[in-house]
Amino acid sequence: MDFLEGRIFRETALPAQTLKERSAFYDELNAFLATLHRVDYEAVSLSNFGPPNGYFERQISRWVKQYRAAETETIPAMEQLFAELPTGIPADVSVSITHCD
């Protein structure tokens, strides 16, 4: 990563920006993330950076562990969610770079 000059937005709602500015900001952010997802991770020497498969399983496992660490009571709806989340994992096993994985 390199340092780049630019503005830092501390509030994600961008309250100081106009609706038009916010829309442009989020459109650009989404376009960048889409570009990131299209990067060939093997071509840029990231094939050994981390596990190429199991993204959804890792995310679900992390969420459950975080929840369990803070849990103060059993909430049936959460238990149902934890049981159902793994059943919604897509069959597509394509691999791409994602933000925060």
C-alpha atoms as a PDB file:
ATOM      1  CA  MET A   1       0.000   0.000   0.000  1.00  0.00           C
ATOM      2  CA  ASP A   2       1.099   3.525  -0.691  1.00  0.00           C
ATOM      3  CA  PHE A   3       0.178   6.782   0.998  1.00  0.00           C
ATOM      4  CA  LEU A   4      -2.057   8.922  -1.178  1.00  0.00           C
ATOM      5  CA  GLU A   5      -3.130  12.479  -0.602  1.00  0.00           C
ATOM      6  CA  GLY A   6      -6.855  12.799  -0.209  1.00  0.00           C
ATOM      7  CA  ARG A   7      -9.790  13.538   2.023  1.00  0.00           C
ATOM      8  CA  ILE A   8     -10.692  11.395   5.015  1.00  0.00           C
ATOM      9  CA  PHE A   9     -14.372  10.919   5.742  1.00  0.00           C
ATOM     10  CA  ARG A  10     -14.816   9.982   9.391  1.00  0.00           C
ATOM     11  CA  GLU A  11     -18.612   9.636   9.236  1.00  0.00           C
ATOM     12  CA  THR A  12     -19.842   7.027   6.755  1.00  0.00           C
ATOM     13  CA  ALA A  13     -23.151   8.850   6.287  1.00  0.00           C
ATOM     14  CA  LEU A  14     -21.173  11.806   4.836  1.00  0.00           C
ATOM     15  CA  PRO A  15     -23.438  14.397   6.486  1.00  0.00           C
ATOM     16  CA  ALA A  16     -21.376  17.343   5.231  1.00  0.00           C
ATOM     17  CA  GLN A  17     -21.789  16.298   1.585  1.00  0.00           C
ATOM     18  CA  THR A  18     -24.734  16.979  -0.679  1.00  0.00           C
ATOM     19  CA  LEU A  19     -26.920  14.137  -1.916  1.00  0.00           C
ATOM     20  CA  LYS A  20     -25.227  14.395  -5.321  1.00  0.00           C
ATOM     21  CA  GLU A  21     -21.750  14.215  -3.734  1.00  0.00           C
ATOM     22  CA  ARG A  22     -22.742  11.240  -1.549  1.00  0.00           C
ATOM     23  CA  SER A  23     -24.183   9.404  -4.551  1.00  0.00           C
ATOM     24  CA  ALA A  24     -21.002  10.004  -6.558  1.00  0.00           C
ATOM     25  CA  PHE A  25     -18.845   8.859  -3.631  1.00  0.00           C
ATOM     26  CA  TYR A  26     -20.759   5.609  -3.133  1.00  0.00           C
ATOM     27  CA  ASP A  27     -20.948   4.936  -6.882  1.00  0.00           C
ATOM     28  CA  GLU A  28     -17.160   5.277  -7.100  1.00  0.00           C
ATOM     29  CA  LEU A  29     -16.663   3.070  -4.045  1.00  0.00           C
ATOM     30  CA  ASN A  30     -18.873   0.358  -5.544  1.00  0.00           C
ATOM     31  CA  ALA A  31     -17.077   0.604  -8.896  1.00  0.00           C
ATOM     32  CA  PHE A  32     -13.722   0.198  -7.154  1.00  0.00           C
ATOM     33  CA  LEU A  33     -14.897  -2.837  -5.183  1.00  0.00           C
ATOM     34  CA  ALA A  34     -16.204  -4.408  -8.408  1.00  0.00           C
ATOM     35  CA  THR A  35     -12.791  -3.797 -10.007  1.00  0.00           C
ATOM     36  CA  LEU A  36     -11.088  -5.365  -6.989  1.00  0.00           C
ATOM     37  CA  HIS A  37     -13.257  -8.482  -7.340  1.00  0.00           C
ATOM     38  CA  ARG A  38     -12.117  -8.876 -10.962  1.00  0.00           C
ATOM     39  CA  VAL A  39      -8.383  -8.911 -10.144  1.00  0.00           C
ATOM     40  CA  ASP A  40      -6.800 -12.275 -10.954  1.00  0.00           C
ATOM     41  CA  TYR A  41      -5.356 -13.061  -7.522  1.00  0.00           C
ATOM     42  CA  GLU A  42      -2.939 -15.644  -8.961  1.00  0.00           C
ATOM     43  CA  ALA A  43      -1.631 -13.206 -11.588  1.00  0.00           C
ATOM     44  CA  VAL A  44      -0.762 -10.664  -8.881  1.00  0.00           C
ATOM     45  CA  SER A  45       1.053 -13.265  -6.742  1.00  0.00           C
ATOM     46  CA  LEU A  46      -1.600 -13.566  -4.024  1.00  0.00           C
ATOM     47  CA  SER A  47      -2.261 -17.297  -4.364  1.00  0.00           C
ATOM     48  CA  ASN A  48      -0.332 -17.981  -1.138  1.00  0.00           C
ATOM     49  CA  PHE A  49      -1.754 -15.012   0.771  1.00  0.00           C
ATOM     50  CA  GLY A  50      -4.652 -16.841   2.362  1.00  0.00           C
ATOM     51  CA  PRO A  51      -7.111 -19.649   1.848  1.00  0.00           C
ATOM     52  CA  PRO A  52      -8.729 -19.421  -1.598  1.00  0.00           C
ATOM     53  CA  ASN A  53     -11.912 -21.214  -0.602  1.00  0.00           C
ATOM     54  CA  GLY A  54     -14.336 -21.223   2.307  1.00  0.00           C
ATOM     55  CA  TYR A  55     -15.032 -17.483   2.514  1.00  0.00           C
ATOM     56  CA  PHE A  56     -18.643 -17.857   3.613  1.00  0.00           C
ATOM     57  CA  GLU A  57     -17.808 -20.583   6.111  1.00  0.00           C
ATOM     58  CA  ARG A  58     -15.083 -18.378   7.630  1.00  0.00           C
ATOM     59  CA  GLN A  59     -17.413 -15.381   7.844  1.00  0.00           C
ATOM     60  CA  ILE A  60     -20.228 -17.355   9.461  1.00  0.00           C
ATOM     61  CA  SER A  61     -17.812 -18.970  11.917  1.00  0.00           C
ATOM     62  CA  ARG A  62     -16.366 -15.555  12.859  1.00  0.00           C
ATOM     63  CA  TRP A  63     -19.828 -14.027  13.362  1.00  0.00           C
ATOM     64  CA  VAL A  64     -20.958 -16.908  15.569  1.00  0.00           C
ATOM     65  CA  LYS A  65     -17.760 -16.783  17.662  1.00  0.00           C
ATOM     66  CA  GLN A  66     -18.084 -13.023  18.120  1.00  0.00           C
ATOM     67  CA  TYR A  67     -21.709 -13.368  19.090  1.00  0.00           C
ATOM     68  CA  ARG A  68     -20.988 -16.194  21.523  1.00  0.00           C
ATOM     69  CA  ALA A  69     -18.209 -14.156  23.151  1.00  0.00           C
ATOM     70  CA  ALA A  70     -20.688 -11.349  23.914  1.00  0.00           C
ATOM     71  CA  GLU A  71     -23.798 -13.458  24.489  1.00  0.00           C
ATOM     72  CA  THR A  72     -25.639 -12.833  27.755  1.00  0.00           C
ATOM     73  CA  GLU A  73     -28.737 -14.925  27.133  1.00  0.00           C
ATOM     74  CA  THR A  74     -30.017 -17.468  24.645  1.00  0.00           C
ATOM     75  CA  ILE A  75     -32.106 -15.901  21.903  1.00  0.00           C
ATOM     76  CA  PRO A  76     -33.974 -18.550  19.906  1.00  0.00           C
ATOM     77  CA  ALA A  77     -34.063 -16.422  16.746  1.00  0.00           C
ATOM     78  CA  MET A  78     -30.247 -16.180  16.797  1.00  0.00           C
ATOM     79  CA  GLU A  79     -29.940 -19.942  17.256  1.00  0.00           C
ATOM     80  CA  GLN A  80     -32.233 -20.404  14.257  1.00  0.00           C
ATOM     81  CA  LEU A  81     -30.155 -17.942  12.230  1.00  0.00           C
ATOM     82  CA  PHE A  82     -26.944 -19.796  13.086  1.00  0.00           C
ATOM     83  CA  ALA A  83     -28.553 -23.046  11.937  1.00  0.00           C
ATOM     84  CA  GLU A  84     -29.855 -21.536   8.701  1.00  0.00           C
ATOM     85  CA  LEU A  85     -26.897 -19.424   7.569  1.00  0.00           C
ATOM     86  CA  PRO A  86     -24.793 -22.388   6.378  1.00  0.00           C
ATOM     87  CA  THR A  87     -27.687 -23.635   4.242  1.00  0.00           C
ATOM     88  CA  GLY A  88     -27.592 -20.394   2.225  1.00  0.00           C
ATOM     89  CA  ILE A  89     -23.972 -20.666   1.123  1.00  0.00           C
ATOM     90  CA  PRO A  90     -23.894 -20.398  -2.682  1.00  0.00           C
ATOM     91  CA  ALA A  91     -22.760 -23.365  -4.755  1.00  0.00           C
ATOM     92  CA  ASP A  92     -20.508 -21.063  -6.829  1.00  0.00           C
ATOM     93  CA  VAL A  93     -16.946 -21.645  -5.640  1.00  0.00           C
ATOM     94  CA  SER A  94     -15.285 -18.948  -7.752  1.00  0.00           C
ATOM     95  CA  VAL A  95     -12.486 -17.128  -5.977  1.00  0.00           C
ATOM     96  CA  SER A  96     -11.899 -13.385  -5.944  1.00  0.00           C
ATOM     97  CA  ILE A  97     -10.294 -10.750  -3.804  1.00  0.00           C
ATOM     98  CA  THR A  98     -12.758  -9.250  -1.355  1.00  0.00           C
ATOM     99  CA  HIS A  99     -12.454  -6.339   1.004  1.00  0.00           C
ATOM    100  CA  CYS A 100     -11.783  -7.463   4.599  1.00  0.00           C
ATOM    101  CA  ASP A 101     -11.184 -11.150   3.941  1.00  0.00           C
END
